[in-house]
Amino acid sequence: MKLTLDIPDILASRVQEKWDNLPEKVLEILVAEAYKSELITRAEVGRILNLPHRLQVDKFLKQAGVYLQYELEDFEQDLEILKQLEK
C-alpha cells in the first residue's frame, strides 16, 4: 500500500534534519505501534523491517520503547526448557 501524507513545512524541515530517511522512520514508528497494539507479531516485525534475527527485532523494539509480549505460556515454556537443561 502506498500512502501519501501531507506534513506541515515546519515539522517536515525539523524531522528531515533529524531523520535522513523519513519514509523509513515513519514505517518503523508504525510497525512499533502495530506490535504494541498486538496487531502484528514479533516475527512479522522482523519480516516487515527486514531484520533477519530475533535479537535484532528485540533490539529494535527495545529502542522503540515497546515491551516484548511475554505471556504466561511463554514463561511456562521457558521454565520447562530450563528444567530439561538441568538434567
PDB file of N, CA and C in Angstrom:
ATOM      1  N   MET A   1       0.838  -1.176   0.000  1.00  0.00           N
ATOM      2  CA  MET A   1       0.000   0.000   0.000  1.00  0.00           C
ATOM      3  C   MET A   1       0.880   1.234   0.000  1.00  0.00           C
ATOM      4  N   LYS A   2       0.566   2.137  -0.853  1.00  0.00           N
ATOM      5  CA  LYS A   2       1.257   3.427  -0.857  1.00  0.00           C
ATOM      6  C   LYS A   2       0.397   4.409  -0.091  1.00  0.00           C
ATOM      7  N   LEU A   3       1.071   5.284   0.645  1.00  0.00           N
ATOM      8  CA  LEU A   3       0.384   6.278   1.453  1.00  0.00           C
ATOM      9  C   LEU A   3       1.046   7.620   1.218  1.00  0.00           C
ATOM     10  N   THR A   4       0.235   8.619   0.933  1.00  0.00           N
ATOM     11  CA  THR A   4       0.741   9.976   0.778  1.00  0.00           C
ATOM     12  C   THR A   4       0.308  10.758   1.998  1.00  0.00           C
ATOM     13  N   LEU A   5       1.246  11.486   2.562  1.00  0.00           N
ATOM     14  CA  LEU A   5       0.985  12.207   3.797  1.00  0.00           C
ATOM     15  C   LEU A   5       1.444  13.646   3.650  1.00  0.00           C
ATOM     16  N   ASP A   6       0.554  14.579   3.938  1.00  0.00           N
ATOM     17  CA  ASP A   6       0.906  15.995   3.921  1.00  0.00           C
ATOM     18  C   ASP A   6       1.391  16.380   5.312  1.00  0.00           C
ATOM     19  N   ILE A   7       2.619  16.885   5.386  1.00  0.00           N
ATOM     20  CA  ILE A   7       3.229  17.274   6.655  1.00  0.00           C
ATOM     21  C   ILE A   7       3.477  18.773   6.615  1.00  0.00           C
ATOM     22  N   PRO A   8       3.078  19.490   7.664  1.00  0.00           N
ATOM     23  CA  PRO A   8       3.349  20.933   7.689  1.00  0.00           C
ATOM     24  C   PRO A   8       4.845  21.206   7.515  1.00  0.00           C
ATOM     25  N   ASP A   9       5.169  22.273   6.804  1.00  0.00           N
ATOM     26  CA  ASP A   9       6.561  22.602   6.489  1.00  0.00           C
ATOM     27  C   ASP A   9       7.440  22.703   7.729  1.00  0.00           C
ATOM     28  N   ILE A  10       6.922  23.317   8.787  1.00  0.00           N
ATOM     29  CA  ILE A  10       7.731  23.488   9.994  1.00  0.00           C
ATOM     30  C   ILE A  10       8.132  22.134  10.587  1.00  0.00           C
ATOM     31  N   LEU A  11       7.220  21.177  10.534  1.00  0.00           N
ATOM     32  CA  LEU A  11       7.524  19.841  11.041  1.00  0.00           C
ATOM     33  C   LEU A  11       8.418  19.086  10.063  1.00  0.00           C
ATOM     34  N   ALA A  12       8.124  19.186   8.796  1.00  0.00           N
ATOM     35  CA  ALA A  12       8.889  18.466   7.778  1.00  0.00           C
ATOM     36  C   ALA A  12      10.368  18.835   7.822  1.00  0.00           C
ATOM     37  N   SER A  13      10.664  20.108   7.919  1.00  0.00           N
ATOM     38  CA  SER A  13      12.070  20.512   7.920  1.00  0.00           C
ATOM     39  C   SER A  13      12.792  20.015   9.169  1.00  0.00           C
ATOM     40  N   ARG A  14      12.114  20.018  10.312  1.00  0.00           N
ATOM     41  CA  ARG A  14      12.757  19.574  11.550  1.00  0.00           C
ATOM     42  C   ARG A  14      12.979  18.067  11.579  1.00  0.00           C
ATOM     43  N   VAL A  15      11.982  17.312  11.152  1.00  0.00           N
ATOM     44  CA  VAL A  15      12.169  15.859  11.183  1.00  0.00           C
ATOM     45  C   VAL A  15      13.146  15.406  10.107  1.00  0.00           C
ATOM     46  N   GLN A  16      13.177  16.100   8.993  1.00  0.00           N
ATOM     47  CA  GLN A  16      14.132  15.742   7.939  1.00  0.00           C
ATOM     48  C   GLN A  16      15.563  15.962   8.408  1.00  0.00           C
ATOM     49  N   GLU A  17      15.781  16.990   9.223  1.00  0.00           N
ATOM     50  CA  GLU A  17      17.113  17.227   9.785  1.00  0.00           C
ATOM     51  C   GLU A  17      17.530  16.092  10.711  1.00  0.00           C
ATOM     52  N   LYS A  18      16.585  15.597  11.502  1.00  0.00           N
ATOM     53  CA  LYS A  18      16.890  14.563  12.490  1.00  0.00           C
ATOM     54  C   LYS A  18      16.926  13.172  11.864  1.00  0.00           C
ATOM     55  N   TRP A  19      15.981  12.897  10.975  1.00  0.00           N
ATOM     56  CA  TRP A  19      15.863  11.576  10.353  1.00  0.00           C
ATOM     57  C   TRP A  19      16.110  11.711   8.854  1.00  0.00           C
ATOM     58  N   ASP A  20      17.226  11.216   8.398  1.00  0.00           N
ATOM     59  CA  ASP A  20      17.552  11.316   6.974  1.00  0.00           C
ATOM     60  C   ASP A  20      16.499  10.665   6.085  1.00  0.00           C
ATOM     61  N   ASN A  21      16.043   9.479   6.484  1.00  0.00           N
ATOM     62  CA  ASN A  21      15.103   8.729   5.668  1.00  0.00           C
ATOM     63  C   ASN A  21      13.734   8.737   6.346  1.00  0.00           C
ATOM     64  N   LEU A  22      12.968   9.765   6.076  1.00  0.00           N
ATOM     65  CA  LEU A  22      11.674   9.937   6.735  1.00  0.00           C
ATOM     66  C   LEU A  22      10.712   8.780   6.450  1.00  0.00           C
ATOM     67  N   PRO A  23      10.576   8.294   5.228  1.00  0.00           N
ATOM     68  CA  PRO A  23       9.662   7.166   4.998  1.00  0.00           C
ATOM     69  C   PRO A  23      10.036   5.929   5.829  1.00  0.00           C
ATOM     70  N   GLU A  24      11.328   5.658   5.952  1.00  0.00           N
ATOM     71  CA  GLU A  24      11.766   4.513   6.759  1.00  0.00           C
ATOM     72  C   GLU A  24      11.421   4.722   8.234  1.00  0.00           C
ATOM     73  N   LYS A  25      11.633   5.922   8.727  1.00  0.00           N
ATOM     74  CA  LYS A  25      11.341   6.229  10.125  1.00  0.00           C
ATOM     75  C   LYS A  25       9.843   6.120  10.406  1.00  0.00           C
ATOM     76  N   VAL A  26       9.027   6.605   9.491  1.00  0.00           N
ATOM     77  CA  VAL A  26       7.576   6.509   9.656  1.00  0.00           C
ATOM     78  C   VAL A  26       7.151   5.043   9.685  1.00  0.00           C
ATOM     79  N   LEU A  27       7.735   4.237   8.810  1.00  0.00           N
ATOM     80  CA  LEU A  27       7.426   2.805   8.808  1.00  0.00           C
ATOM     81  C   LEU A  27       7.814   2.170  10.138  1.00  0.00           C
ATOM     82  N   GLU A  28       8.986   2.489  10.660  1.00  0.00           N
ATOM     83  CA  GLU A  28       9.428   1.937  11.941  1.00  0.00           C
ATOM     84  C   GLU A  28       8.476   2.313  13.072  1.00  0.00           C
ATOM     85  N   ILE A  29       8.041   3.560  13.096  1.00  0.00           N
ATOM     86  CA  ILE A  29       7.107   4.010  14.130  1.00  0.00           C
ATOM     87  C   ILE A  29       5.782   3.266  14.001  1.00  0.00           C
ATOM     88  N   LEU A  30       5.306   3.102  12.779  1.00  0.00           N
ATOM     89  CA  LEU A  30       4.055   2.395  12.540  1.00  0.00           C
ATOM     90  C   LEU A  30       4.164   0.927  12.952  1.00  0.00           C
ATOM     91  N   VAL A  31       5.262   0.285  12.611  1.00  0.00           N
ATOM     92  CA  VAL A  31       5.471  -1.121  12.972  1.00  0.00           C
ATOM     93  C   VAL A  31       5.541  -1.284  14.487  1.00  0.00           C
ATOM     94  N   ALA A  32       6.264  -0.409  15.161  1.00  0.00           N
ATOM     95  CA  ALA A  32       6.370  -0.483  16.617  1.00  0.00           C
ATOM     96  C   ALA A  32       4.997  -0.323  17.262  1.00  0.00           C
ATOM     97  N   GLU A  33       4.218   0.610  16.775  1.00  0.00           N
ATOM     98  CA  GLU A  33       2.879   0.841  17.335  1.00  0.00           C
ATOM     99  C   GLU A  33       1.952  -0.337  17.035  1.00  0.00           C
ATOM    100  N   ALA A  34       2.075  -0.916  15.842  1.00  0.00           N
ATOM    101  CA  ALA A  34       1.259  -2.075  15.487  1.00  0.00           C
ATOM    102  C   ALA A  34       1.588  -3.265  16.382  1.00  0.00           C
ATOM    103  N   TYR A  35       2.870  -3.464  16.679  1.00  0.00           N
ATOM    104  CA  TYR A  35       3.263  -4.543  17.587  1.00  0.00           C
ATOM    105  C   TYR A  35       2.742  -4.267  18.990  1.00  0.00           C
ATOM    106  N   LYS A  36       2.901  -3.049  19.442  1.00  0.00           N
ATOM    107  CA  LYS A  36       2.442  -2.655  20.777  1.00  0.00           C
ATOM    108  C   LYS A  36       0.934  -2.872  20.918  1.00  0.00           C
ATOM    109  N   SER A  37       0.200  -2.620  19.856  1.00  0.00           N
ATOM    110  CA  SER A  37      -1.256  -2.782  19.858  1.00  0.00           C
ATOM    111  C   SER A  37      -1.682  -4.218  19.564  1.00  0.00           C
ATOM    112  N   GLU A  38      -0.698  -5.109  19.449  1.00  0.00           N
ATOM    113  CA  GLU A  38      -0.928  -6.537  19.186  1.00  0.00           C
ATOM    114  C   GLU A  38      -1.615  -6.792  17.843  1.00  0.00           C
ATOM    115  N   LEU A  39      -1.302  -5.941  16.859  1.00  0.00           N
ATOM    116  CA  LEU A  39      -1.820  -6.138  15.508  1.00  0.00           C
ATOM    117  C   LEU A  39      -0.911  -7.037  14.684  1.00  0.00           C
ATOM    118  N   ILE A  40       0.389  -7.061  15.046  1.00  0.00           N
ATOM    119  CA  ILE A  40       1.347  -7.913  14.359  1.00  0.00           C
ATOM    120  C   ILE A  40       2.210  -8.620  15.397  1.00  0.00           C
ATOM    121  N   THR A  41       2.842  -9.700  14.961  1.00  0.00           N
ATOM    122  CA  THR A  41       3.705 -10.482  15.843  1.00  0.00           C
ATOM    123  C   THR A  41       5.150 -10.001  15.750  1.00  0.00           C
ATOM    124  N   ARG A  42       5.967 -10.512  16.639  1.00  0.00           N
ATOM    125  CA  ARG A  42       7.392 -10.181  16.623  1.00  0.00           C
ATOM    126  C   ARG A  42       8.030 -10.676  15.324  1.00  0.00           C
ATOM    127  N   ALA A  43       7.615 -11.849  14.863  1.00  0.00           N
ATOM    128  CA  ALA A  43       8.141 -12.375  13.595  1.00  0.00           C
ATOM    129  C   ALA A  43       7.756 -11.471  12.429  1.00  0.00           C
ATOM    130  N   GLU A  44       6.546 -10.936  12.455  1.00  0.00           N
ATOM    131  CA  GLU A  44       6.113 -10.035  11.391  1.00  0.00           C
ATOM    132  C   GLU A  44       6.890  -8.720  11.433  1.00  0.00           C
ATOM    133  N   VAL A  45       7.229  -8.256  12.623  1.00  0.00           N
ATOM    134  CA  VAL A  45       8.080  -7.068  12.751  1.00  0.00           C
ATOM    135  C   VAL A  45       9.376  -7.308  11.988  1.00  0.00           C
ATOM    136  N   GLY A  46       9.988  -8.467  12.219  1.00  0.00           N
ATOM    137  CA  GLY A  46      11.239  -8.801  11.544  1.00  0.00           C
ATOM    138  C   GLY A  46      11.101  -8.854  10.034  1.00  0.00           C
ATOM    139  N   ARG A  47      10.024  -9.455   9.561  1.00  0.00           N
ATOM    140  CA  ARG A  47       9.817  -9.561   8.109  1.00  0.00           C
ATOM    141  C   ARG A  47       9.583  -8.181   7.487  1.00  0.00           C
ATOM    142  N   ILE A  48       8.770  -7.362   8.125  1.00  0.00           N
ATOM    143  CA  ILE A  48       8.447  -6.046   7.569  1.00  0.00           C
ATOM    144  C   ILE A  48       9.689  -5.161   7.493  1.00  0.00           C
ATOM    145  N   LEU A  49      10.521  -5.217   8.537  1.00  0.00           N
ATOM    146  CA  LEU A  49      11.700  -4.347   8.600  1.00  0.00           C
ATOM    147  C   LEU A  49      12.972  -5.026   8.095  1.00  0.00           C
ATOM    148  N   ASN A  50      12.835  -6.236   7.544  1.00  0.00           N
ATOM    149  CA  ASN A  50      13.979  -6.991   7.028  1.00  0.00           C
ATOM    150  C   ASN A  50      15.058  -7.196   8.096  1.00  0.00           C
ATOM    151  N   LEU A  51      14.621  -7.592   9.276  1.00  0.00           N
ATOM    152  CA  LEU A  51      15.537  -7.911  10.365  1.00  0.00           C
ATOM    153  C   LEU A  51      15.622  -9.435  10.448  1.00  0.00           C
ATOM    154  N   PRO A  52      16.738 -10.020  10.024  1.00  0.00           N
ATOM    155  CA  PRO A  52      16.805 -11.472   9.886  1.00  0.00           C
ATOM    156  C   PRO A  52      16.885 -12.253  11.200  1.00  0.00           C
ATOM    157  N   HIS A  53      17.256 -11.611  12.292  1.00  0.00           N
ATOM    158  CA  HIS A  53      17.439 -12.343  13.546  1.00  0.00           C
ATOM    159  C   HIS A  53      16.512 -11.805  14.629  1.00  0.00           C
ATOM    160  N   ARG A  54      16.050 -12.723  15.454  1.00  0.00           N
ATOM    161  CA  ARG A  54      15.139 -12.356  16.545  1.00  0.00           C
ATOM    162  C   ARG A  54      15.759 -11.314  17.465  1.00  0.00           C
ATOM    163  N   LEU A  55      17.063 -11.425  17.700  1.00  0.00           N
ATOM    164  CA  LEU A  55      17.720 -10.468  18.579  1.00  0.00           C
ATOM    165  C   LEU A  55      17.694  -9.055  18.002  1.00  0.00           C
ATOM    166  N   GLN A  56      17.765  -8.952  16.682  1.00  0.00           N
ATOM    167  CA  GLN A  56      17.672  -7.634  16.045  1.00  0.00           C
ATOM    168  C   GLN A  56      16.260  -7.061  16.208  1.00  0.00           C
ATOM    169  N   VAL A  57      15.265  -7.932  16.133  1.00  0.00           N
ATOM    170  CA  VAL A  57      13.881  -7.491  16.342  1.00  0.00           C
ATOM    171  C   VAL A  57      13.716  -7.008  17.782  1.00  0.00           C
ATOM    172  N   ASP A  58      14.231  -7.798  18.735  1.00  0.00           N
ATOM    173  CA  ASP A  58      14.143  -7.408  20.142  1.00  0.00           C
ATOM    174  C   ASP A  58      14.849  -6.073  20.396  1.00  0.00           C
ATOM    175  N   LYS A  59      16.000  -5.885  19.773  1.00  0.00           N
ATOM    176  CA  LYS A  59      16.745  -4.631  19.924  1.00  0.00           C
ATOM    177  C   LYS A  59      15.943  -3.456  19.357  1.00  0.00           C
ATOM    178  N   PHE A  60      15.360  -3.656  18.180  1.00  0.00           N
ATOM    179  CA  PHE A  60      14.541  -2.610  17.576  1.00  0.00           C
ATOM    180  C   PHE A  60      13.384  -2.232  18.496  1.00  0.00           C
ATOM    181  N   LEU A  61      12.669  -3.239  19.006  1.00  0.00           N
ATOM    182  CA  LEU A  61      11.522  -2.968  19.869  1.00  0.00           C
ATOM    183  C   LEU A  61      11.948  -2.266  21.156  1.00  0.00           C
ATOM    184  N   LYS A  62      13.076  -2.682  21.702  1.00  0.00           N
ATOM    185  CA  LYS A  62      13.580  -2.043  22.923  1.00  0.00           C
ATOM    186  C   LYS A  62      13.903  -0.573  22.651  1.00  0.00           C
ATOM    187  N   GLN A  63      14.585  -0.309  21.544  1.00  0.00           N
ATOM    188  CA  GLN A  63      14.935   1.074  21.198  1.00  0.00           C
ATOM    189  C   GLN A  63      13.691   1.916  20.922  1.00  0.00           C
ATOM    190  N   ALA A  64      12.630   1.260  20.469  1.00  0.00           N
ATOM    191  CA  ALA A  64      11.374   1.961  20.196  1.00  0.00           C
ATOM    192  C   ALA A  64      10.549   2.141  21.471  1.00  0.00           C
ATOM    193  N   GLY A  65      11.035   1.579  22.578  1.00  0.00           N
ATOM    194  CA  GLY A  65      10.326   1.714  23.850  1.00  0.00           C
ATOM    195  C   GLY A  65       9.107   0.828  23.959  1.00  0.00           C
ATOM    196  N   VAL A  66       9.127  -0.287  23.230  1.00  0.00           N
ATOM    197  CA  VAL A  66       7.993  -1.209  23.229  1.00  0.00           C
ATOM    198  C   VAL A  66       8.386  -2.471  23.990  1.00  0.00           C
ATOM    199  N   TYR A  67       7.565  -2.821  24.976  1.00  0.00           N
ATOM    200  CA  TYR A  67       7.823  -4.033  25.747  1.00  0.00           C
ATOM    201  C   TYR A  67       7.492  -5.264  24.926  1.00  0.00           C
ATOM    202  N   LEU A  68       8.310  -6.302  25.093  1.00  0.00           N
ATOM    203  CA  LEU A  68       8.037  -7.563  24.414  1.00  0.00           C
ATOM    204  C   LEU A  68       6.807  -8.203  25.033  1.00  0.00           C
ATOM    205  N   GLN A  69       5.999  -8.806  24.184  1.00  0.00           N
ATOM    206  CA  GLN A  69       4.819  -9.509  24.672  1.00  0.00           C
ATOM    207  C   GLN A  69       5.281 -10.865  25.199  1.00  0.00           C
ATOM    208  N   TYR A  70       5.144 -11.044  26.495  1.00  0.00           N
ATOM    209  CA  TYR A  70       5.615 -12.258  27.153  1.00  0.00           C
ATOM    210  C   TYR A  70       4.488 -12.746  28.047  1.00  0.00           C
ATOM    211  N   GLU A  71       3.833 -13.784  27.600  1.00  0.00           N
ATOM    212  CA  GLU A  71       2.650 -14.291  28.286  1.00  0.00           C
ATOM    213  C   GLU A  71       3.022 -15.423  29.238  1.00  0.00           C
ATOM    214  N   LEU A  72       2.077 -15.833  30.041  1.00  0.00           N
ATOM    215  CA  LEU A  72       2.282 -16.925  30.988  1.00  0.00           C
ATOM    216  C   LEU A  72       2.731 -18.195  30.269  1.00  0.00           C
ATOM    217  N   GLU A  73       2.164 -18.455  29.101  1.00  0.00           N
ATOM    218  CA  GLU A  73       2.546 -19.649  28.334  1.00  0.00           C
ATOM    219  C   GLU A  73       4.026 -19.590  27.937  1.00  0.00           C
ATOM    220  N   ASP A  74       4.507 -18.391  27.583  1.00  0.00           N
ATOM    221  CA  ASP A  74       5.916 -18.220  27.240  1.00  0.00           C
ATOM    222  C   ASP A  74       6.795 -18.546  28.443  1.00  0.00           C
ATOM    223  N   PHE A  75       6.400 -18.039  29.612  1.00  0.00           N
ATOM    224  CA  PHE A  75       7.150 -18.294  30.836  1.00  0.00           C
ATOM    225  C   PHE A  75       7.176 -19.788  31.153  1.00  0.00           C
ATOM    226  N   GLU A  76       6.025 -20.439  31.062  1.00  0.00           N
ATOM    227  CA  GLU A  76       5.946 -21.872  31.356  1.00  0.00           C
ATOM    228  C   GLU A  76       6.808 -22.683  30.396  1.00  0.00           C
ATOM    229  N   GLN A  77       6.823 -22.296  29.135  1.00  0.00           N
ATOM    230  CA  GLN A  77       7.653 -22.988  28.152  1.00  0.00           C
ATOM    231  C   GLN A  77       9.133 -22.784  28.476  1.00  0.00           C
ATOM    232  N   ASP A  78       9.515 -21.572  28.804  1.00  0.00           N
ATOM    233  CA  ASP A  78      10.912 -21.296  29.171  1.00  0.00           C
ATOM    234  C   ASP A  78      11.307 -22.071  30.428  1.00  0.00           C
ATOM    235  N   LEU A  79      10.419 -22.139  31.389  1.00  0.00           N
ATOM    236  CA  LEU A  79      10.677 -22.871  32.624  1.00  0.00           C
ATOM    237  C   LEU A  79      10.876 -24.354  32.337  1.00  0.00           C
ATOM    238  N   GLU A  80      10.070 -24.919  31.461  1.00  0.00           N
ATOM    239  CA  GLU A  80      10.200 -26.333  31.099  1.00  0.00           C
ATOM    240  C   GLU A  80      11.541 -26.592  30.410  1.00  0.00           C
ATOM    241  N   ILE A  81      11.960 -25.697  29.546  1.00  0.00           N
ATOM    242  CA  ILE A  81      13.256 -25.840  28.870  1.00  0.00           C
ATOM    243  C   ILE A  81      14.385 -25.794  29.888  1.00  0.00           C
ATOM    244  N   LEU A  82      14.300 -24.885  30.843  1.00  0.00           N
ATOM    245  CA  LEU A  82      15.328 -24.795  31.891  1.00  0.00           C
ATOM    246  C   LEU A  82      15.391 -26.070  32.721  1.00  0.00           C
ATOM    247  N   LYS A  83      14.241 -26.635  33.033  1.00  0.00           N
ATOM    248  CA  LYS A  83      14.207 -27.885  33.798  1.00  0.00           C
ATOM    249  C   LYS A  83      14.874 -29.013  33.016  1.00  0.00           C
ATOM    250  N   GLN A  84      14.641 -29.046  31.729  1.00  0.00           N
ATOM    251  CA  GLN A  84      15.260 -30.086  30.894  1.00  0.00           C
ATOM    252  C   GLN A  84      16.768 -29.904  30.810  1.00  0.00           C
ATOM    253  N   LEU A  85      17.222 -28.669  30.795  1.00  0.00           N
ATOM    254  CA  LEU A  85      18.646 -28.400  30.720  1.00  0.00           C
ATOM    255  C   LEU A  85      19.373 -28.751  32.014  1.00  0.00           C
ATOM    256  N   GLU A  86      18.658 -28.709  33.136  1.00  0.00           N
ATOM    257  CA  GLU A  86      19.265 -29.051  34.426  1.00  0.00           C
ATOM    258  C   GLU A  86      19.604 -30.536  34.529  1.00  0.00           C
ATOM    259  N   LYS A  87      18.912 -31.363  33.769  1.00  0.00           N
ATOM    260  CA  LYS A  87      19.102 -32.827  33.858  1.00  0.00           C
ATOM    261  C   LYS A  87      20.408 -33.272  33.267  1.00  0.00           C
TER     262      LYS A  87
END
